[in-house]
N, C-alpha and C. Protein backbone atom coordinates (compact mmCIF):
# COMPACT_ATOMS: atom_id res chain seq x y z
N MET A 1 0.75 -1.10 -0.03
CA MET A 1 0.05 0.08 -0.05
C MET A 1 1.04 1.38 0.12
N ALA A 2 2.42 1.10 -0.16
CA ALA A 2 2.96 2.45 -0.38
C ALA A 2 2.77 3.40 -1.76
N GLY A 3 2.33 4.44 -1.64
CA GLY A 3 2.56 5.39 -2.76
C GLY A 3 1.29 6.15 -2.54
N GLN A 4 0.59 6.85 -3.40
CA GLN A 4 -0.32 7.73 -3.24
C GLN A 4 -1.64 7.20 -4.39
N ILE A 5 -3.09 7.43 -3.84
CA ILE A 5 -4.27 7.74 -4.48
C ILE A 5 -4.65 8.87 -4.96
N LYS A 6 -5.12 8.91 -6.00
CA LYS A 6 -5.98 10.07 -6.34
C LYS A 6 -7.34 10.08 -6.11
N VAL A 7 -8.17 10.85 -5.03
CA VAL A 7 -9.53 10.57 -4.50
C VAL A 7 -9.74 11.94 -5.31
N THR A 8 -11.42 11.93 -5.65
CA THR A 8 -12.40 12.98 -6.41
C THR A 8 -13.70 12.75 -5.41
N LEU A 9 -14.01 13.92 -4.92
CA LEU A 9 -15.45 14.09 -4.39
C LEU A 9 -16.44 14.00 -5.38
N ASN A 10 -17.29 12.96 -5.72
CA ASN A 10 -18.16 12.76 -6.80
C ASN A 10 -19.39 13.48 -6.52
N ARG A 11 -19.77 13.27 -5.43
CA ARG A 11 -21.14 13.42 -4.77
C ARG A 11 -21.05 14.57 -3.66
N SER A 12 -22.19 15.03 -3.44
CA SER A 12 -22.35 16.14 -2.42
C SER A 12 -22.73 15.59 -1.12
N VAL A 13 -22.25 16.13 0.10
CA VAL A 13 -22.29 15.67 0.97
C VAL A 13 -23.90 15.97 1.95
N ILE A 14 -24.71 16.79 1.25
CA ILE A 14 -26.05 17.10 1.50
C ILE A 14 -26.83 15.56 1.69
N GLY A 15 -27.50 15.55 2.95
CA GLY A 15 -28.37 14.51 3.12
C GLY A 15 -27.36 13.18 3.80
N CYS A 16 -25.92 13.58 4.14
CA CYS A 16 -25.26 12.78 4.86
C CYS A 16 -25.47 13.20 6.14
N THR A 17 -25.06 11.96 7.23
CA THR A 17 -25.13 12.05 8.51
C THR A 17 -23.75 13.21 8.93
N PRO A 18 -24.03 13.67 9.83
CA PRO A 18 -22.92 14.34 10.76
C PRO A 18 -21.81 14.15 11.11
N ALA A 19 -21.63 12.63 11.04
CA ALA A 19 -20.26 11.77 10.92
C ALA A 19 -19.70 11.78 9.57
N GLN A 20 -20.09 11.28 8.79
CA GLN A 20 -19.86 11.30 7.44
C GLN A 20 -19.50 12.52 6.70
N ARG A 21 -20.27 13.87 7.25
CA ARG A 21 -19.47 15.22 6.88
C ARG A 21 -17.87 15.12 7.36
N LYS A 22 -17.94 15.23 9.02
CA LYS A 22 -16.71 15.39 9.40
C LYS A 22 -15.60 14.21 8.81
N VAL A 23 -16.13 13.10 8.05
CA VAL A 23 -14.80 12.52 7.63
C VAL A 23 -14.37 12.66 6.16
N VAL A 24 -15.21 13.44 5.65
CA VAL A 24 -15.23 14.23 4.34
C VAL A 24 -14.40 15.47 4.68
N ALA A 25 -14.70 16.23 5.65
CA ALA A 25 -13.78 17.33 6.00
C ALA A 25 -12.30 16.74 6.31
N ALA A 26 -12.65 16.01 7.28
CA ALA A 26 -11.14 15.38 7.64
C ALA A 26 -10.10 15.14 6.31
N LEU A 27 -10.77 14.51 5.46
CA LEU A 27 -10.08 14.00 4.12
C LEU A 27 -9.21 15.49 3.58
N GLY A 28 -10.20 16.62 3.64
CA GLY A 28 -9.83 17.90 3.53
C GLY A 28 -10.54 18.51 1.95
N PHE A 29 -11.98 17.65 1.61
CA PHE A 29 -12.53 18.06 1.02
C PHE A 29 -13.69 18.91 1.32
N LYS A 30 -13.98 20.32 0.29
CA LYS A 30 -15.53 20.84 0.78
C LYS A 30 -16.15 20.99 -0.25
N LYS A 31 -15.99 21.07 -1.50
CA LYS A 31 -16.60 20.91 -2.56
C LYS A 31 -16.58 19.83 -3.44
N ARG A 32 -17.75 19.43 -4.18
CA ARG A 32 -18.41 18.57 -4.99
C ARG A 32 -16.99 18.75 -6.15
N GLY A 33 -16.50 17.81 -6.75
CA GLY A 33 -15.98 17.61 -7.91
C GLY A 33 -14.64 17.82 -7.56
N THR A 34 -14.00 18.02 -6.60
CA THR A 34 -12.36 18.63 -6.34
C THR A 34 -11.77 17.22 -5.97
N SER A 35 -10.41 17.23 -6.34
CA SER A 35 -9.52 15.96 -6.25
C SER A 35 -8.58 16.34 -5.71
N LYS A 36 -7.97 15.38 -4.98
CA LYS A 36 -6.74 15.43 -3.98
C LYS A 36 -6.00 14.18 -4.50
N ILE A 37 -4.50 14.78 -4.04
CA ILE A 37 -3.76 13.63 -4.16
C ILE A 37 -3.30 13.34 -2.43
N LEU A 38 -3.56 11.77 -2.08
CA LEU A 38 -3.25 11.24 -0.87
C LEU A 38 -2.50 10.42 -0.51
N PRO A 39 -1.78 10.27 0.60
CA PRO A 39 -1.01 8.93 0.74
C PRO A 39 -1.75 7.84 0.88
N ASP A 40 -1.37 6.69 0.46
CA ASP A 40 -2.21 5.39 0.39
C ASP A 40 -1.56 4.82 1.61
N ASN A 41 -2.11 4.72 2.52
CA ASN A 41 -2.28 4.10 3.88
C ASN A 41 -3.56 3.56 4.58
N ALA A 42 -3.30 2.65 5.66
CA ALA A 42 -4.50 2.03 6.34
C ALA A 42 -5.37 3.42 6.42
N ALA A 43 -5.07 4.35 6.95
CA ALA A 43 -5.91 5.46 7.78
C ALA A 43 -6.78 6.19 6.58
N ILE A 44 -6.21 6.73 5.62
CA ILE A 44 -6.75 6.90 4.32
C ILE A 44 -7.74 6.20 4.11
N ARG A 45 -7.33 4.75 3.57
CA ARG A 45 -8.60 3.79 3.30
C ARG A 45 -9.47 3.84 3.72
N GLY A 46 -9.17 3.31 5.34
CA GLY A 46 -10.39 3.46 6.27
C GLY A 46 -11.25 4.48 6.21
N ALA A 47 -10.75 5.74 5.94
CA ALA A 47 -11.61 7.00 6.07
C ALA A 47 -12.75 7.00 4.57
N ILE A 48 -11.95 6.49 3.53
CA ILE A 48 -12.64 6.54 2.17
C ILE A 48 -13.52 5.55 2.20
N LYS A 49 -13.33 4.44 3.11
CA LYS A 49 -14.12 3.41 3.20
C LYS A 49 -15.35 3.47 3.83
N LYS A 50 -15.55 4.50 5.20
CA LYS A 50 -16.89 5.14 5.24
C LYS A 50 -17.78 5.58 4.78
N VAL A 51 -17.31 6.24 3.63
CA VAL A 51 -18.01 7.29 2.89
C VAL A 51 -17.81 6.94 1.34
N GLU A 52 -17.92 5.68 1.07
CA GLU A 52 -16.86 5.09 -0.53
C GLU A 52 -18.28 5.85 -1.17
N HIS A 53 -19.57 6.12 -0.98
CA HIS A 53 -20.58 6.06 -1.93
C HIS A 53 -20.32 7.48 -2.45
N LEU A 54 -19.59 8.55 -1.90
CA LEU A 54 -19.29 9.93 -2.16
C LEU A 54 -17.91 10.01 -2.85
N PHE A 55 -17.30 9.02 -3.09
CA PHE A 55 -15.99 9.18 -3.64
C PHE A 55 -15.56 8.59 -4.97
N VAL A 56 -14.63 8.66 -5.81
CA VAL A 56 -14.03 7.97 -6.44
C VAL A 56 -12.54 7.82 -6.66
N TRP A 57 -12.08 6.76 -6.52
CA TRP A 57 -10.66 6.80 -6.34
C TRP A 57 -10.00 6.04 -7.34
N GLU A 58 -8.42 6.24 -7.54
CA GLU A 58 -7.66 5.35 -8.25
C GLU A 58 -6.28 5.47 -7.92
N GLU A 59 -5.29 4.80 -8.10
CA GLU A 59 -4.00 4.74 -8.01
C GLU A 59 -3.30 5.88 -8.85
N ALA A 60 -2.71 6.64 -7.85
CA ALA A 60 -1.96 7.77 -8.69
C ALA A 60 -0.52 7.68 -8.98
């Protein structure tokens, strides 16, 4: 799992629970359609797994 992943917030957080909103904010996303290159580690993958219905991700 070494390396980086490209993560894109594909859906809005409208209608999500407050806990899901916090996960999205902790990953550094504010607006729909934004992308970030994040480190590929267990913590990041776990956070993405919590809200995987909102994200699209790929190996960077």
